[in-house]
């Protein structure tokens, strides 16, 4: 399995960002081959973190591309700063 984690800081409206992600982005991500799971986390203080899990590296990389496109097209005013992205092979899970 592979995962991609994106940390967004300076989020201006976490509730609205969550709504848009749930209604618009999650359905897009579920279409990516190898999709396993997705989580959108409100870390408080304007920090939100997303985690995408896929069966293979190609799916995880595709999720990063789709996330960037979705943020640019739908969330730019709510997520004004580029995310810190970390992606790689899952080496332990529970």
C-alpha atoms as a PDB file:
ATOM      1  CA  UNK A   1       0.000   0.000   0.000  1.00  0.00           C
ATOM      2  CA  UNK A   2       0.969   3.601  -0.572  1.00  0.00           C
ATOM      3  CA  UNK A   3      -0.222   6.775   1.103  1.00  0.00           C
ATOM      4  CA  UNK A   4      -0.120  10.488   0.433  1.00  0.00           C
ATOM      5  CA  UNK A   5      -0.430  12.986   3.271  1.00  0.00           C
ATOM      6  CA  UNK A   6      -1.092  16.674   2.623  1.00  0.00           C
ATOM      7  CA  UNK A   7      -0.905  19.296   5.404  1.00  0.00           C
ATOM      8  CA  UNK A   8      -2.634  22.610   4.770  1.00  0.00           C
ATOM      9  CA  UNK A   9      -2.004  25.641   6.988  1.00  0.00           C
ATOM     10  CA  UNK A  10      -3.872  28.949   7.092  1.00  0.00           C
ATOM     11  CA  UNK A  11      -7.247  27.373   6.289  1.00  0.00           C
ATOM     12  CA  UNK A  12      -9.786  30.207   6.428  1.00  0.00           C
ATOM     13  CA  UNK A  13     -13.015  28.182   6.899  1.00  0.00           C
ATOM     14  CA  UNK A  14     -12.446  24.576   7.980  1.00  0.00           C
ATOM     15  CA  UNK A  15     -16.153  23.672   8.028  1.00  0.00           C
ATOM     16  CA  UNK A  16     -16.705  24.853   4.457  1.00  0.00           C
ATOM     17  CA  UNK A  17     -13.484  23.226   3.284  1.00  0.00           C
ATOM     18  CA  UNK A  18     -14.653  19.946   4.825  1.00  0.00           C
ATOM     19  CA  UNK A  19     -18.036  20.209   3.144  1.00  0.00           C
ATOM     20  CA  UNK A  20     -16.520  20.866  -0.274  1.00  0.00           C
ATOM     21  CA  UNK A  21     -14.005  18.059   0.112  1.00  0.00           C
ATOM     22  CA  UNK A  22     -16.706  15.584   1.195  1.00  0.00           C
ATOM     23  CA  UNK A  23     -19.112  16.543  -1.585  1.00  0.00           C
ATOM     24  CA  UNK A  24     -16.680  17.210  -4.430  1.00  0.00           C
ATOM     25  CA  UNK A  25     -13.254  15.710  -3.914  1.00  0.00           C
ATOM     26  CA  UNK A  26     -13.971  12.379  -2.225  1.00  0.00           C
ATOM     27  CA  UNK A  27     -16.161  11.143  -5.120  1.00  0.00           C
ATOM     28  CA  UNK A  28     -13.341  12.016  -7.556  1.00  0.00           C
ATOM     29  CA  UNK A  29     -10.754  10.224  -5.464  1.00  0.00           C
ATOM     30  CA  UNK A  30     -12.852   7.065  -5.210  1.00  0.00           C
ATOM     31  CA  UNK A  31     -12.602   6.773  -8.997  1.00  0.00           C
ATOM     32  CA  UNK A  32      -8.801   6.435  -8.901  1.00  0.00           C
ATOM     33  CA  UNK A  33      -7.791   2.780  -9.428  1.00  0.00           C
ATOM     34  CA  UNK A  34      -6.499   1.165  -6.256  1.00  0.00           C
ATOM     35  CA  UNK A  35      -8.374   3.494  -3.886  1.00  0.00           C
ATOM     36  CA  UNK A  36      -8.435   2.150  -0.306  1.00  0.00           C
ATOM     37  CA  UNK A  37      -9.304   5.062   2.016  1.00  0.00           C
ATOM     38  CA  UNK A  38      -9.350   8.840   2.424  1.00  0.00           C
ATOM     39  CA  UNK A  39      -9.409  11.012   5.558  1.00  0.00           C
ATOM     40  CA  UNK A  40      -9.796  14.805   5.916  1.00  0.00           C
ATOM     41  CA  UNK A  41      -8.769  15.935   9.387  1.00  0.00           C
ATOM     42  CA  UNK A  42      -9.349  19.276  11.108  1.00  0.00           C
ATOM     43  CA  UNK A  43      -6.243  19.768  13.224  1.00  0.00           C
ATOM     44  CA  UNK A  44      -7.463  23.076  14.654  1.00  0.00           C
ATOM     45  CA  UNK A  45      -5.878  26.510  14.430  1.00  0.00           C
ATOM     46  CA  UNK A  46      -6.300  26.633  10.632  1.00  0.00           C
ATOM     47  CA  UNK A  47      -4.527  23.328  10.014  1.00  0.00           C
ATOM     48  CA  UNK A  48      -6.144  20.553   7.982  1.00  0.00           C
ATOM     49  CA  UNK A  49      -4.546  17.280   6.931  1.00  0.00           C
ATOM     50  CA  UNK A  50      -5.626  14.791   4.297  1.00  0.00           C
ATOM     51  CA  UNK A  51      -4.504  11.190   4.014  1.00  0.00           C
ATOM     52  CA  UNK A  52      -5.104   9.119   0.885  1.00  0.00           C
ATOM     53  CA  UNK A  53      -4.375   5.389   0.879  1.00  0.00           C
ATOM     54  CA  UNK A  54      -4.025   3.318  -2.296  1.00  0.00           C
ATOM     55  CA  UNK A  55      -3.006  -0.184  -3.269  1.00  0.00           C
ATOM     56  CA  UNK A  56      -0.103   1.125  -5.365  1.00  0.00           C
ATOM     57  CA  UNK A  57       2.182   4.073  -5.929  1.00  0.00           C
ATOM     58  CA  UNK A  58       0.418   5.188  -9.110  1.00  0.00           C
ATOM     59  CA  UNK A  59      -2.845   5.707  -7.218  1.00  0.00           C
ATOM     60  CA  UNK A  60      -1.162   7.716  -4.472  1.00  0.00           C
ATOM     61  CA  UNK A  61       0.593   9.912  -7.034  1.00  0.00           C
ATOM     62  CA  UNK A  62      -2.668  10.408  -8.920  1.00  0.00           C
ATOM     63  CA  UNK A  63      -4.322  11.522  -5.675  1.00  0.00           C
ATOM     64  CA  UNK A  64      -1.705  14.245  -5.231  1.00  0.00           C
ATOM     65  CA  UNK A  65      -2.376  15.515  -8.768  1.00  0.00           C
ATOM     66  CA  UNK A  66      -6.151  15.415  -8.323  1.00  0.00           C
ATOM     67  CA  UNK A  67      -5.902  17.177  -4.960  1.00  0.00           C
ATOM     68  CA  UNK A  68      -3.840  20.016  -6.430  1.00  0.00           C
ATOM     69  CA  UNK A  69      -6.327  20.428  -9.277  1.00  0.00           C
ATOM     70  CA  UNK A  70      -9.333  20.352  -6.937  1.00  0.00           C
ATOM     71  CA  UNK A  71      -7.822  22.883  -4.545  1.00  0.00           C
ATOM     72  CA  UNK A  72      -6.908  25.202  -7.409  1.00  0.00           C
ATOM     73  CA  UNK A  73     -10.370  24.981  -8.965  1.00  0.00           C
ATOM     74  CA  UNK A  74     -12.563  24.875  -5.834  1.00  0.00           C
ATOM     75  CA  UNK A  75     -10.738  25.712  -2.615  1.00  0.00           C
ATOM     76  CA  UNK A  76      -8.151  28.370  -3.407  1.00  0.00           C
ATOM     77  CA  UNK A  77      -9.763  30.994  -1.168  1.00  0.00           C
ATOM     78  CA  UNK A  78     -10.120  28.538   1.738  1.00  0.00           C
ATOM     79  CA  UNK A  79      -6.689  26.914   1.433  1.00  0.00           C
ATOM     80  CA  UNK A  80      -4.467  29.883   0.538  1.00  0.00           C
ATOM     81  CA  UNK A  81      -1.117  28.178   1.168  1.00  0.00           C
ATOM     82  CA  UNK A  82       0.401  25.264  -0.761  1.00  0.00           C
ATOM     83  CA  UNK A  83       0.373  22.025   1.234  1.00  0.00           C
ATOM     84  CA  UNK A  84       3.306  20.123   2.601  1.00  0.00           C
ATOM     85  CA  UNK A  85       3.037  16.778   0.764  1.00  0.00           C
ATOM     86  CA  UNK A  86       4.539  13.506   1.938  1.00  0.00           C
ATOM     87  CA  UNK A  87       3.964  10.300  -0.008  1.00  0.00           C
ATOM     88  CA  UNK A  88       5.394   6.824   0.158  1.00  0.00           C
ATOM     89  CA  UNK A  89       5.000   3.149   0.819  1.00  0.00           C
ATOM     90  CA  UNK A  90       3.081   2.116   3.935  1.00  0.00           C
ATOM     91  CA  UNK A  91       5.524   0.021   5.958  1.00  0.00           C
ATOM     92  CA  UNK A  92       3.312  -0.651   8.993  1.00  0.00           C
ATOM     93  CA  UNK A  93      -0.443  -0.554   9.548  1.00  0.00           C
ATOM     94  CA  UNK A  94      -2.879  -1.525  12.232  1.00  0.00           C
END
